[in-house]
N, C-alpha and C. Protein backbone atom coordinates (compact mmCIF):
# COMPACT_ATOMS: atom_id res chain seq x y z
N MET A 1 0.77 -1.01 -0.11
CA MET A 1 0.08 -0.12 0.06
C MET A 1 0.85 1.30 -0.14
N THR A 2 0.40 2.14 -0.78
CA THR A 2 1.21 3.41 -0.71
C THR A 2 0.34 4.75 0.15
N PRO A 3 1.45 4.86 1.22
CA PRO A 3 0.74 5.76 2.18
C PRO A 3 0.37 7.25 1.63
N GLU A 4 -0.51 7.62 2.42
CA GLU A 4 -0.73 9.20 1.90
C GLU A 4 0.33 9.89 2.60
N LEU A 5 0.53 11.07 1.91
CA LEU A 5 1.33 12.01 2.27
C LEU A 5 0.41 13.17 2.93
N ILE A 6 0.46 13.72 3.92
CA ILE A 6 0.17 14.83 4.49
C ILE A 6 1.02 15.88 4.69
N ILE A 7 0.80 17.08 3.92
CA ILE A 7 1.82 18.30 4.08
C ILE A 7 1.20 18.74 5.33
N MET A 8 2.14 19.36 6.25
CA MET A 8 2.00 20.11 7.30
C MET A 8 2.73 21.41 7.17
N LEU A 9 1.93 22.60 7.25
CA LEU A 9 2.60 23.75 6.98
C LEU A 9 3.03 24.22 8.56
N THR A 10 3.86 23.31 9.14
CA THR A 10 4.63 23.54 10.46
C THR A 10 6.18 23.23 10.48
N HIS A 11 6.92 23.99 11.49
CA HIS A 11 8.08 23.84 11.62
C HIS A 11 8.27 23.97 13.21
N HIS A 12 9.17 23.04 13.62
CA HIS A 12 9.38 22.94 15.00
C HIS A 12 8.03 22.88 15.93
N ASP A 13 7.15 22.05 15.36
CA ASP A 13 5.83 21.89 15.94
C ASP A 13 4.86 23.13 16.14
N GLN A 14 5.17 24.16 15.16
CA GLN A 14 4.18 25.22 15.23
C GLN A 14 3.91 25.50 13.72
N THR A 15 2.88 26.01 13.49
CA THR A 15 2.18 26.48 12.17
C THR A 15 2.95 27.66 11.87
N VAL A 16 3.56 27.58 10.57
CA VAL A 16 4.48 28.90 10.23
C VAL A 16 3.63 30.25 9.92
N PRO A 17 4.28 31.18 10.43
CA PRO A 17 3.47 32.59 10.20
C PRO A 17 2.86 32.76 8.78
N ASN A 18 3.72 32.30 7.71
CA ASN A 18 3.11 32.74 6.40
C ASN A 18 2.55 31.66 5.65
N ALA A 19 1.85 30.56 6.58
CA ALA A 19 1.15 29.49 6.06
C ALA A 19 0.07 29.68 4.92
N ARG A 20 -0.60 30.79 5.18
CA ARG A 20 -1.61 30.80 4.02
C ARG A 20 -1.07 31.38 2.88
N GLU A 21 -0.06 32.06 2.85
CA GLU A 21 0.57 32.56 1.56
C GLU A 21 1.41 31.50 0.96
N LEU A 22 1.97 30.38 1.87
CA LEU A 22 2.54 29.32 1.23
C LEU A 22 1.78 28.51 0.60
N PHE A 23 0.47 28.01 1.33
CA PHE A 23 -0.48 27.35 0.58
C PHE A 23 -0.91 27.82 -0.74
N ASP A 24 -1.17 28.90 -0.60
CA ASP A 24 -1.48 29.61 -1.81
C ASP A 24 -0.37 29.39 -3.23
N GLU A 25 0.61 29.30 -2.84
CA GLU A 25 1.85 29.18 -3.87
C GLU A 25 1.66 27.64 -4.32
N LEU A 26 1.59 26.89 -3.29
CA LEU A 26 1.89 25.26 -3.61
C LEU A 26 0.60 24.46 -3.77
N LYS A 27 -0.56 25.21 -3.66
CA LYS A 27 -1.94 24.13 -3.66
C LYS A 27 -2.15 23.52 -4.94
N ASP A 28 -1.25 23.88 -5.99
CA ASP A 28 -1.52 23.16 -7.25
C ASP A 28 -0.81 21.88 -7.26
N ILE A 29 0.07 21.43 -6.27
CA ILE A 29 0.82 20.48 -6.31
C ILE A 29 -0.26 19.27 -6.04
N PRO A 30 -0.42 18.12 -6.65
CA PRO A 30 -1.38 17.21 -6.42
C PRO A 30 -1.48 16.19 -5.26
N VAL A 31 -1.09 16.77 -4.17
CA VAL A 31 -1.18 16.17 -2.87
C VAL A 31 -2.57 16.53 -2.23
N ARG A 32 -3.24 15.39 -1.93
CA ARG A 32 -4.72 15.67 -1.32
C ARG A 32 -4.78 16.21 0.04
N CYS A 33 -3.81 15.58 0.81
CA CYS A 33 -4.18 15.88 2.32
C CYS A 33 -3.13 17.07 2.77
N TRP A 34 -3.52 18.00 3.57
CA TRP A 34 -2.83 19.31 3.91
C TRP A 34 -3.43 19.48 5.40
N GLY A 35 -2.23 20.03 6.32
CA GLY A 35 -3.02 20.54 7.54
C GLY A 35 -1.74 21.38 8.14
N PHE A 36 -2.03 21.46 9.38
CA PHE A 36 -1.23 22.34 10.52
C PHE A 36 -1.52 22.07 11.87
N LYS A 37 -0.62 22.92 12.76
CA LYS A 37 -1.05 22.59 14.27
C LYS A 37 -1.78 23.67 14.82
N ASP A 38 -2.17 23.39 15.97
CA ASP A 38 -3.29 24.38 16.71
C ASP A 38 -2.34 25.69 17.44
N VAL A 39 -1.31 25.55 17.04
CA VAL A 39 -0.28 26.61 17.46
C VAL A 39 0.56 27.50 16.37
N GLY A 40 0.67 28.87 16.67
CA GLY A 40 1.51 29.28 15.63
C GLY A 40 0.67 30.52 14.81
N LEU A 41 -0.62 30.52 14.81
CA LEU A 41 -1.35 31.39 14.18
C LEU A 41 -2.50 31.65 15.07
N PRO A 42 -3.11 32.94 15.00
CA PRO A 42 -4.36 33.50 15.76
C PRO A 42 -5.45 32.44 15.08
N VAL A 43 -6.37 32.45 15.81
CA VAL A 43 -7.58 31.41 15.41
C VAL A 43 -8.19 32.00 14.26
N GLU A 44 -8.39 33.39 13.81
CA GLU A 44 -8.88 33.70 12.79
C GLU A 44 -8.06 33.34 11.44
N GLN A 45 -6.76 33.39 11.56
CA GLN A 45 -6.12 32.92 10.47
C GLN A 45 -6.13 31.53 10.27
N MET A 46 -6.21 30.81 11.26
CA MET A 46 -6.29 29.16 11.19
C MET A 46 -7.67 29.07 10.23
N ILE A 47 -8.57 29.71 10.53
CA ILE A 47 -9.92 29.28 9.83
C ILE A 47 -9.93 29.88 8.46
N GLU A 48 -9.26 30.86 8.29
CA GLU A 48 -9.00 31.32 6.89
C GLU A 48 -8.09 30.44 6.11
N LEU A 49 -7.23 29.71 6.76
CA LEU A 49 -6.39 28.85 6.28
C LEU A 49 -7.13 27.50 5.70
N VAL A 50 -7.81 27.19 6.68
CA VAL A 50 -8.74 25.64 6.39
C VAL A 50 -9.65 26.10 5.39
N ASN A 51 -10.33 27.09 5.19
CA ASN A 51 -11.17 27.59 4.19
C ASN A 51 -10.38 27.57 2.77
N GLN A 52 -9.18 27.86 2.81
CA GLN A 52 -8.54 28.09 1.77
C GLN A 52 -8.18 26.60 1.16
N MET A 53 -7.80 25.76 2.03
CA MET A 53 -7.46 24.29 1.73
C MET A 53 -8.78 23.70 1.26
N LYS A 54 -9.83 23.89 1.78
CA LYS A 54 -11.16 23.32 1.44
C LYS A 54 -11.61 23.93 0.03
N LYS A 55 -11.40 25.02 -0.30
CA LYS A 55 -11.87 25.62 -1.41
C LYS A 55 -10.90 24.87 -2.60
N ALA A 56 -9.85 24.34 -2.37
CA ALA A 56 -8.83 23.69 -3.15
C ALA A 56 -9.04 22.40 -3.18
N ALA A 57 -10.22 22.03 -2.56
CA ALA A 57 -10.58 20.59 -2.58
C ALA A 57 -9.69 19.66 -1.84
N LYS A 58 -8.86 20.17 -0.97
CA LYS A 58 -8.17 19.34 -0.13
C LYS A 58 -8.68 18.71 1.03
N THR A 59 -8.27 17.48 1.58
CA THR A 59 -8.57 16.88 2.98
C THR A 59 -7.69 17.61 4.04
N THR A 60 -8.43 18.20 5.14
CA THR A 60 -7.68 19.14 5.98
C THR A 60 -7.61 18.18 7.31
N PHE A 61 -6.42 18.57 7.97
CA PHE A 61 -6.03 17.96 9.26
C PHE A 61 -5.54 19.13 10.27
N LEU A 62 -6.17 19.01 11.30
CA LEU A 62 -5.57 20.04 12.46
C LEU A 62 -4.91 19.11 13.44
N GLU A 63 -3.66 19.19 13.80
CA GLU A 63 -2.96 18.42 14.70
C GLU A 63 -2.88 19.26 15.89
N VAL A 64 -3.33 18.83 17.05
CA VAL A 64 -3.31 19.46 18.28
C VAL A 64 -2.48 18.71 19.19
N VAL A 65 -1.26 19.40 19.21
CA VAL A 65 -0.07 18.91 20.10
C VAL A 65 -0.04 19.58 21.67
N SER A 66 -1.05 20.36 22.06
CA SER A 66 -1.41 20.60 23.49
C SER A 66 -1.79 19.40 24.16
N LEU A 67 -1.45 19.17 25.31
CA LEU A 67 -1.73 17.86 26.05
C LEU A 67 -2.72 18.06 27.21
N SER A 68 -3.21 18.91 27.58
CA SER A 68 -4.07 19.02 28.73
C SER A 68 -5.57 18.77 28.01
N GLU A 69 -6.47 18.31 28.92
CA GLU A 69 -7.85 18.06 28.44
C GLU A 69 -8.52 19.39 28.01
N ALA A 70 -8.34 20.46 28.72
CA ALA A 70 -8.76 21.69 28.43
C ALA A 70 -8.50 22.22 27.10
N GLU A 71 -6.97 22.14 26.64
CA GLU A 71 -6.44 22.48 25.44
C GLU A 71 -6.91 21.55 24.36
N GLY A 72 -6.94 20.21 24.45
CA GLY A 72 -7.51 19.25 23.56
C GLY A 72 -8.98 19.61 23.22
N LEU A 73 -9.90 19.96 24.11
CA LEU A 73 -11.10 20.52 23.91
C LEU A 73 -11.19 21.77 23.13
N ARG A 74 -10.39 22.58 23.38
CA ARG A 74 -10.33 23.82 22.74
C ARG A 74 -9.90 23.43 21.15
N GLY A 75 -9.01 22.74 20.98
CA GLY A 75 -8.49 22.22 19.69
C GLY A 75 -9.61 21.53 18.76
N ALA A 76 -10.41 20.53 19.63
CA ALA A 76 -11.36 20.03 19.07
C ALA A 76 -12.61 20.92 18.43
N LYS A 77 -12.77 22.02 19.52
CA LYS A 77 -13.96 22.94 19.12
C LYS A 77 -13.47 23.74 17.74
N LEU A 78 -12.26 24.14 17.79
CA LEU A 78 -11.47 24.74 16.58
C LEU A 78 -11.88 23.95 15.38
N ALA A 79 -11.59 22.70 15.35
CA ALA A 79 -11.64 21.74 14.33
C ALA A 79 -12.97 21.68 13.79
N ILE A 80 -13.94 21.66 14.72
CA ILE A 80 -15.53 21.54 14.47
C ILE A 80 -15.91 22.79 13.63
N GLU A 81 -15.53 24.00 14.23
CA GLU A 81 -16.10 25.15 13.81
C GLU A 81 -15.50 25.75 12.52
N ALA A 82 -14.39 25.18 12.39
CA ALA A 82 -13.51 25.54 11.28
C ALA A 82 -13.87 24.53 9.92
N GLY A 83 -14.39 23.44 10.34
CA GLY A 83 -14.75 22.63 9.40
C GLY A 83 -13.71 21.63 8.88
N PHE A 84 -12.68 21.20 9.71
CA PHE A 84 -11.67 20.38 9.47
C PHE A 84 -12.13 18.98 9.16
N ASP A 85 -11.39 18.31 8.37
CA ASP A 85 -11.95 16.91 8.27
C ASP A 85 -11.35 15.98 9.14
N ILE A 86 -10.31 16.06 9.71
CA ILE A 86 -9.85 15.22 10.68
C ILE A 86 -9.13 15.95 11.86
N LEU A 87 -9.06 15.57 13.02
CA LEU A 87 -8.49 16.08 14.23
C LEU A 87 -7.75 15.32 14.60
N MET A 88 -6.25 15.47 14.44
CA MET A 88 -5.16 14.59 14.79
C MET A 88 -4.62 15.05 16.34
N GLY A 89 -4.02 14.03 16.95
CA GLY A 89 -3.40 14.28 18.26
C GLY A 89 -4.33 14.46 19.42
N THR A 90 -3.92 15.14 20.35
CA THR A 90 -4.42 15.37 21.73
C THR A 90 -4.25 14.06 22.54
N VAL A 91 -3.86 14.22 23.84
CA VAL A 91 -3.93 12.92 24.71
C VAL A 91 -5.56 12.59 24.68
N TYR A 92 -5.86 11.31 24.66
CA TYR A 92 -7.26 10.92 24.40
C TYR A 92 -7.78 11.26 25.83
N TYR A 93 -9.07 12.08 25.58
CA TYR A 93 -10.19 12.04 26.76
C TYR A 93 -11.44 11.57 26.31
N ASP A 94 -12.19 10.96 26.91
CA ASP A 94 -13.81 10.69 26.40
C ASP A 94 -14.37 11.85 26.18
N SER A 95 -14.20 13.23 26.91
CA SER A 95 -14.92 14.30 26.62
C SER A 95 -14.61 14.87 25.17
N ILE A 96 -13.30 14.75 24.66
CA ILE A 96 -12.77 15.29 23.47
C ILE A 96 -13.49 14.38 22.39
N ARG A 97 -13.54 12.84 22.63
CA ARG A 97 -14.22 11.91 21.69
C ARG A 97 -15.62 12.30 21.64
N ASP A 98 -16.41 12.47 22.85
CA ASP A 98 -17.78 12.67 22.75
C ASP A 98 -18.03 14.19 22.13
N LEU A 99 -17.34 14.97 22.19
CA LEU A 99 -17.52 16.47 21.45
C LEU A 99 -17.29 16.10 19.87
N VAL A 100 -16.24 15.38 19.59
CA VAL A 100 -15.93 15.27 18.15
C VAL A 100 -17.06 14.52 17.57
N LYS A 101 -17.61 13.37 18.23
CA LYS A 101 -18.59 12.59 17.81
C LYS A 101 -19.92 13.27 17.48
N THR A 102 -20.15 14.45 17.93
CA THR A 102 -21.22 15.33 17.59
C THR A 102 -20.99 15.90 16.17
N SER A 103 -19.95 15.71 15.48
CA SER A 103 -19.72 16.55 14.22
C SER A 103 -19.28 15.62 13.25
N PRO A 104 -18.99 16.08 11.87
CA PRO A 104 -18.44 15.04 10.79
C PRO A 104 -16.92 14.90 11.05
N VAL A 105 -16.27 15.53 11.99
CA VAL A 105 -14.83 15.50 12.08
C VAL A 105 -14.57 14.09 12.69
N LYS A 106 -13.52 13.64 12.10
CA LYS A 106 -12.94 12.33 12.58
C LYS A 106 -11.68 12.56 13.48
N TYR A 107 -11.72 11.47 14.36
CA TYR A 107 -10.87 11.92 15.74
C TYR A 107 -9.51 10.67 15.53
N TYR A 108 -8.36 11.42 15.62
CA TYR A 108 -7.17 10.59 15.33
C TYR A 108 -6.28 10.73 16.68
N PRO A 109 -6.59 10.21 17.87
CA PRO A 109 -5.59 10.78 18.96
C PRO A 109 -4.32 10.06 18.90
N PHE A 110 -3.48 10.50 20.03
CA PHE A 110 -2.14 9.85 20.24
C PHE A 110 -2.32 8.51 20.98
N PRO A 111 -1.80 7.62 20.54
CA PRO A 111 -1.53 6.25 21.37
C PRO A 111 -0.26 6.36 22.37
N GLY A 112 -0.11 5.78 23.36
CA GLY A 112 1.13 5.94 24.04
C GLY A 112 1.12 7.17 25.08
N HIS A 113 2.22 7.48 25.86
CA HIS A 113 2.48 8.52 26.74
C HIS A 113 3.09 9.48 25.88
N VAL A 114 2.46 10.67 25.79
CA VAL A 114 3.08 11.74 24.84
C VAL A 114 3.15 12.85 25.76
N HIS A 115 4.53 13.45 25.84
CA HIS A 115 4.82 14.60 26.63
C HIS A 115 5.66 15.57 26.06
N SER A 116 6.37 16.72 26.49
CA SER A 116 6.99 17.72 26.24
C SER A 116 6.59 18.33 25.04
N HIS A 117 7.30 19.35 24.69
CA HIS A 117 7.21 20.30 23.33
C HIS A 117 8.53 20.47 22.83
N PRO A 118 8.88 20.00 21.46
CA PRO A 118 8.22 19.09 20.62
C PRO A 118 7.95 17.77 21.46
N SER A 119 6.95 17.32 21.07
CA SER A 119 6.38 16.02 21.50
C SER A 119 7.37 14.67 21.58
N ILE A 120 7.39 13.97 22.69
CA ILE A 120 8.11 12.92 22.81
C ILE A 120 7.06 11.80 23.15
N LEU A 121 7.39 10.57 22.67
CA LEU A 121 6.67 9.36 22.88
C LEU A 121 7.47 8.42 23.68
N ASP A 122 6.96 7.71 24.86
CA ASP A 122 7.64 6.74 25.47
C ASP A 122 6.57 5.66 26.02
N GLY A 123 7.42 4.65 26.72
CA GLY A 123 6.57 3.73 27.05
C GLY A 123 7.09 2.37 26.37
N SER A 124 6.83 1.15 26.74
CA SER A 124 7.27 0.08 25.99
C SER A 124 6.38 -0.23 24.63
N ILE A 125 6.85 -0.82 23.64
CA ILE A 125 5.97 -1.39 22.45
C ILE A 125 4.64 -1.91 22.76
N ASP A 126 4.82 -2.99 23.71
CA ASP A 126 3.62 -3.43 24.18
C ASP A 126 2.54 -2.74 24.85
N GLU A 127 2.84 -1.62 25.74
CA GLU A 127 2.19 -0.78 26.28
C GLU A 127 1.42 0.32 25.17
N ILE A 128 2.50 0.68 24.26
CA ILE A 128 1.56 1.53 23.15
C ILE A 128 0.68 0.71 22.41
N VAL A 129 1.05 -0.48 21.98
CA VAL A 129 0.17 -1.20 21.21
C VAL A 129 -1.15 -1.52 22.21
N GLN A 130 -1.27 -1.73 23.37
CA GLN A 130 -2.51 -1.94 24.10
C GLN A 130 -3.17 -0.82 23.99
N HIS A 131 -2.42 0.24 24.24
CA HIS A 131 -3.16 1.86 24.25
C HIS A 131 -3.82 1.71 23.00
N ALA A 132 -3.36 1.58 21.95
CA ALA A 132 -3.71 1.79 20.49
C ALA A 132 -5.05 0.97 20.46
N ARG A 133 -5.18 -0.16 20.97
CA ARG A 133 -6.25 -1.07 20.87
C ARG A 133 -7.35 -0.55 21.66
N PHE A 134 -6.92 -0.06 22.76
CA PHE A 134 -8.09 0.82 23.84
C PHE A 134 -8.53 1.76 22.83
N LEU A 135 -7.87 2.55 22.35
CA LEU A 135 -8.56 3.69 21.51
C LEU A 135 -9.15 3.42 20.56
N GLU A 136 -8.98 2.38 19.71
CA GLU A 136 -9.99 1.90 18.66
C GLU A 136 -11.34 1.51 19.31
N ALA A 137 -11.07 0.62 20.57
CA ALA A 137 -12.45 0.23 21.30
C ALA A 137 -13.23 1.26 21.65
N GLN A 138 -12.67 2.49 22.08
CA GLN A 138 -13.26 3.50 22.54
C GLN A 138 -13.90 4.54 21.39
N GLY A 139 -13.72 4.02 20.27
CA GLY A 139 -14.37 4.74 18.93
C GLY A 139 -13.25 5.78 18.30
N ALA A 140 -12.06 5.82 18.51
CA ALA A 140 -11.21 6.66 17.72
C ALA A 140 -11.30 6.22 16.29
N ASP A 141 -11.36 7.13 15.58
CA ASP A 141 -11.49 6.88 13.86
C ASP A 141 -10.04 6.61 13.35
N GLY A 142 -9.07 6.74 14.03
CA GLY A 142 -7.63 6.49 13.52
C GLY A 142 -6.64 6.95 14.59
N LEU A 143 -5.39 6.68 14.22
CA LEU A 143 -4.39 7.34 15.48
C LEU A 143 -3.24 7.87 14.88
N ASP A 144 -2.88 8.75 15.53
CA ASP A 144 -1.79 9.89 15.45
C ASP A 144 -0.60 9.08 15.98
N LEU A 145 0.43 8.29 15.50
CA LEU A 145 1.32 7.68 16.18
C LEU A 145 2.65 8.57 15.92
N LEU A 146 3.27 9.02 17.06
CA LEU A 146 4.57 9.81 16.91
C LEU A 146 5.92 8.63 16.77
N THR A 147 5.83 8.05 15.80
CA THR A 147 6.66 6.92 15.39
C THR A 147 8.12 7.27 15.73
N TYR A 148 8.66 8.32 15.04
CA TYR A 148 10.17 8.78 15.07
C TYR A 148 10.37 9.78 16.36
N ARG A 149 9.28 9.85 17.09
CA ARG A 149 9.60 10.76 18.33
C ARG A 149 9.90 9.61 19.66
N TYR A 150 9.73 8.41 18.98
CA TYR A 150 9.80 7.16 20.05
C TYR A 150 11.26 6.93 20.25
N HIS A 151 11.70 6.76 21.64
CA HIS A 151 13.16 6.32 22.11
C HIS A 151 13.17 4.94 22.14
N GLY A 152 13.19 4.49 20.92
CA GLY A 152 13.23 2.67 20.74
C GLY A 152 13.19 2.27 19.56
N ASP A 153 12.76 1.18 19.20
CA ASP A 153 12.69 0.43 17.83
C ASP A 153 11.54 1.30 17.09
N ALA A 154 11.59 2.20 16.51
CA ALA A 154 10.46 3.03 15.70
C ALA A 154 9.71 2.19 14.97
N PRO A 155 10.88 1.69 13.62
CA PRO A 155 10.15 0.85 12.71
C PRO A 155 8.97 -0.20 13.24
N ARG A 156 9.77 -0.91 14.19
CA ARG A 156 8.97 -2.20 14.73
C ARG A 156 7.65 -1.61 15.62
N LEU A 157 7.89 -0.49 16.13
CA LEU A 157 6.62 0.02 17.12
C LEU A 157 5.60 0.26 15.96
N LEU A 158 6.00 0.98 14.78
CA LEU A 158 5.03 1.15 13.68
C LEU A 158 4.25 -0.07 13.17
N GLN A 159 5.09 -1.13 12.89
CA GLN A 159 4.64 -2.30 12.35
C GLN A 159 3.68 -2.93 13.24
N GLU A 160 3.96 -2.90 14.51
CA GLU A 160 3.10 -3.53 15.72
C GLU A 160 1.99 -2.77 16.00
N VAL A 161 1.92 -1.55 15.86
CA VAL A 161 0.61 -0.53 16.01
C VAL A 161 -0.39 -0.96 14.95
N VAL A 162 0.17 -0.86 13.75
CA VAL A 162 -0.50 -1.12 12.41
C VAL A 162 -1.23 -2.39 12.50
N LYS A 163 -0.43 -3.53 12.89
CA LYS A 163 -0.86 -4.85 12.93
C LYS A 163 -2.22 -4.98 13.90
N ALA A 164 -2.11 -4.28 15.28
CA ALA A 164 -2.83 -4.38 15.95
C ALA A 164 -4.33 -3.66 15.97
N VAL A 165 -4.41 -3.03 15.13
CA VAL A 165 -5.87 -2.34 14.84
C VAL A 165 -6.27 -2.34 13.44
N THR A 166 -7.50 -1.88 13.60
CA THR A 166 -8.10 -1.81 11.97
C THR A 166 -8.43 -0.53 11.33
N ILE A 167 -8.15 0.40 12.15
CA ILE A 167 -8.39 1.87 12.00
C ILE A 167 -7.05 2.33 11.38
N PRO A 168 -7.11 3.55 10.64
CA PRO A 168 -6.01 4.04 10.03
C PRO A 168 -4.97 4.62 10.90
N VAL A 169 -3.74 4.23 10.69
CA VAL A 169 -2.60 4.82 11.56
C VAL A 169 -1.60 5.79 10.48
N VAL A 170 -1.58 7.08 11.15
CA VAL A 170 -0.70 7.98 10.60
C VAL A 170 0.35 8.08 11.23
N SER A 171 1.86 7.90 10.70
CA SER A 171 3.02 8.24 11.39
C SER A 171 3.42 9.72 11.18
N ALA A 172 3.51 10.47 12.39
CA ALA A 172 3.48 11.79 12.58
C ALA A 172 4.93 12.05 13.21
N GLY A 173 5.74 13.04 12.69
CA GLY A 173 6.82 13.73 13.55
C GLY A 173 8.15 13.22 12.87
N SER A 174 8.96 13.97 12.52
CA SER A 174 10.51 13.68 12.24
C SER A 174 10.53 12.61 10.99
N ILE A 175 9.71 12.63 10.17
CA ILE A 175 9.98 11.83 8.86
C ILE A 175 11.00 12.73 7.99
N ASP A 176 12.19 12.36 8.05
CA ASP A 176 13.21 13.57 7.19
C ASP A 176 14.00 12.69 6.19
N SER A 177 13.62 11.63 5.86
CA SER A 177 14.40 10.77 4.60
C SER A 177 13.58 9.84 3.99
N PHE A 178 14.00 9.29 2.79
CA PHE A 178 13.29 8.54 1.96
C PHE A 178 13.27 7.22 2.71
N GLU A 179 14.55 6.91 3.58
CA GLU A 179 14.35 5.67 4.26
C GLU A 179 13.31 5.52 5.33
N ARG A 180 12.97 6.42 5.92
CA ARG A 180 11.79 6.51 6.93
C ARG A 180 10.56 6.48 6.15
N ILE A 181 10.36 7.08 4.99
CA ILE A 181 9.23 6.98 4.25
C ILE A 181 8.97 5.54 3.92
N GLN A 182 9.97 4.96 3.48
CA GLN A 182 10.12 3.45 3.01
C GLN A 182 9.54 2.74 4.37
N GLU A 183 10.07 3.00 5.39
CA GLU A 183 9.66 2.16 6.81
C GLU A 183 8.18 2.39 6.95
N VAL A 184 7.57 3.57 6.66
CA VAL A 184 6.28 3.66 6.94
C VAL A 184 5.47 2.91 5.88
N GLN A 185 6.07 2.86 4.56
CA GLN A 185 5.53 2.05 3.67
C GLN A 185 5.30 0.53 3.89
N ARG A 186 6.67 0.11 4.30
CA ARG A 186 6.60 -1.40 4.74
C ARG A 186 5.68 -1.78 5.84
N ALA A 187 5.52 -0.73 6.86
CA ALA A 187 4.67 -1.10 7.90
C ALA A 187 3.21 -1.15 7.35
N ASN A 188 2.78 -0.62 6.25
CA ASN A 188 1.39 -0.64 5.70
C ASN A 188 0.60 0.60 6.44
N ALA A 189 1.17 1.50 6.99
CA ALA A 189 0.53 2.74 7.66
C ALA A 189 -0.23 3.38 6.58
N TRP A 190 -1.42 3.95 7.15
CA TRP A 190 -2.43 4.57 6.03
C TRP A 190 -1.82 5.80 5.50
N GLY A 191 -0.88 6.65 6.43
CA GLY A 191 -0.34 7.87 5.99
C GLY A 191 0.80 8.41 6.89
N PHE A 192 1.32 9.39 6.55
CA PHE A 192 2.50 10.23 7.09
C PHE A 192 2.42 11.59 7.04
N THR A 193 2.85 12.26 8.13
CA THR A 193 3.37 13.70 7.85
C THR A 193 4.54 14.30 7.74
N ILE A 194 4.56 15.09 7.08
CA ILE A 194 5.98 15.89 6.97
C ILE A 194 5.54 17.46 7.02
N GLY A 195 6.43 17.95 7.82
CA GLY A 195 6.32 19.38 7.86
C GLY A 195 7.86 20.18 8.04
N SER A 196 8.49 19.88 9.24
CA SER A 196 9.82 20.54 9.47
C SER A 196 10.77 20.22 8.22
N ALA A 197 10.75 19.06 7.95
CA ALA A 197 11.71 18.40 6.81
C ALA A 197 11.65 19.07 5.33
N PHE A 198 10.40 19.74 5.17
CA PHE A 198 10.25 20.21 3.78
C PHE A 198 10.85 21.74 4.05
N PHE A 199 10.79 22.24 5.16
CA PHE A 199 11.27 23.63 5.49
C PHE A 199 12.88 23.53 5.56
N GLU A 200 13.42 22.27 6.01
CA GLU A 200 14.73 22.20 6.21
C GLU A 200 15.44 21.69 5.15
N GLN A 201 14.79 21.42 3.77
CA GLN A 201 15.25 20.94 2.52
C GLN A 201 15.99 19.51 2.69
N LYS A 202 15.22 18.55 3.53
CA LYS A 202 15.82 17.16 3.88
C LYS A 202 15.91 16.32 2.43
N PHE A 203 14.93 16.66 1.58
CA PHE A 203 14.92 15.74 0.68
C PHE A 203 15.54 16.11 -0.64
N VAL A 204 15.55 17.71 -0.82
CA VAL A 204 16.20 18.21 -2.20
C VAL A 204 17.12 19.34 -1.25
N PRO A 205 18.38 19.01 -1.02
CA PRO A 205 19.17 19.96 -0.33
C PRO A 205 19.40 21.25 -1.19
N ASN A 206 19.24 22.46 -0.34
CA ASN A 206 19.05 23.73 -1.23
C ASN A 206 18.16 23.89 -2.11
N GLY A 207 17.05 22.90 -1.96
CA GLY A 207 16.01 23.11 -3.13
C GLY A 207 14.84 23.80 -2.59
N SER A 208 13.80 24.37 -3.32
CA SER A 208 12.55 24.97 -2.74
C SER A 208 11.82 24.11 -2.03
N MET A 209 10.66 24.66 -1.48
CA MET A 209 9.65 23.90 -0.63
C MET A 209 8.96 23.35 -1.66
N ARG A 210 8.64 23.74 -3.03
CA ARG A 210 8.06 23.33 -3.83
C ARG A 210 8.86 21.74 -4.25
N GLN A 211 10.01 22.09 -4.51
CA GLN A 211 10.91 20.87 -5.20
C GLN A 211 11.15 19.85 -4.04
N ASN A 212 11.03 20.26 -2.88
CA ASN A 212 11.07 19.17 -1.77
C ASN A 212 9.86 18.16 -1.62
N ILE A 213 8.70 18.97 -1.73
CA ILE A 213 7.36 18.41 -1.99
C ILE A 213 7.36 17.49 -3.03
N GLN A 214 7.73 17.93 -4.12
CA GLN A 214 7.46 17.21 -5.37
C GLN A 214 8.48 15.88 -5.32
N ALA A 215 9.57 15.90 -4.98
CA ALA A 215 10.65 14.82 -4.59
C ALA A 215 9.79 13.77 -4.02
N VAL A 216 9.13 14.13 -2.80
CA VAL A 216 8.63 12.88 -2.00
C VAL A 216 7.39 12.57 -2.92
N TRP A 217 6.53 13.33 -3.50
CA TRP A 217 5.48 12.82 -4.29
C TRP A 217 5.83 12.18 -5.48
N GLU A 218 6.65 12.49 -6.02
CA GLU A 218 7.21 11.66 -7.14
C GLU A 218 7.69 10.04 -6.68
N TRP A 219 8.52 10.28 -5.71
CA TRP A 219 8.95 8.97 -4.98
C TRP A 219 7.80 8.06 -4.57
N LEU A 220 6.61 8.83 -4.02
CA LEU A 220 5.48 7.97 -3.89
C LEU A 220 4.87 7.32 -5.05
N GLN A 221 4.75 8.18 -6.21
CA GLN A 221 4.20 7.71 -7.33
C GLN A 221 4.95 6.52 -7.92
N LYS A 222 6.09 6.37 -7.88
CA LYS A 222 6.97 5.42 -8.28
C LYS A 222 6.46 4.09 -7.75
N GLY A 223 6.13 4.09 -6.56
CA GLY A 223 5.64 3.06 -5.45
C GLY A 223 4.50 2.34 -6.08
N LYS A 224 3.56 3.22 -6.76
CA LYS A 224 2.14 2.96 -7.21
C LYS A 224 2.47 2.41 -8.46
N SER A 225 3.47 2.64 -9.15
CA SER A 225 3.49 2.05 -10.85
C SER A 225 3.85 0.42 -10.71
């Protein structure tokens, strides 16, 4: 399975200040999934940005990296009011799930113990797998797995989580090489996010944002042929 690329207009776990202008420049690239974080822009500008994305027929993702219940609920309310397709992240709380379930927004919480900023994932692989199963049983629509923020065997973690659940698994955070994208593909994950690595020119050194995105997009198309 070829995973979905989700372009995040974020750097160092924050939405970049010029995200709206960037999206306008890049929206013709044939990547379906786009998103950003709940920090870095005023709410009004976030709403304007998601509206831009929806007008361009993109599937929209809001990733909430804030970890408290109150902050998660605030992110969920934003996702609902702005009309996002998918809310990614948050430490799972029943209250967030219940709020999202009243709307068309799908909920992909973090499995495992997530802490700090930028986010870190810890715990044993077995513990994270068990939590992933718990989240599916609680009604999560998908999972936002911080694979490469894990201080352990990240590729094995991703493989085990994908095998353990039937809902989509998105590998998020620190995907900065074709080798890691290939690991995501081998694990049969539904998708993966890239944000900072595009801004840091990890795929085409000294290349533009567009060239870096296109390099990843073209690599994925080869996997489909």
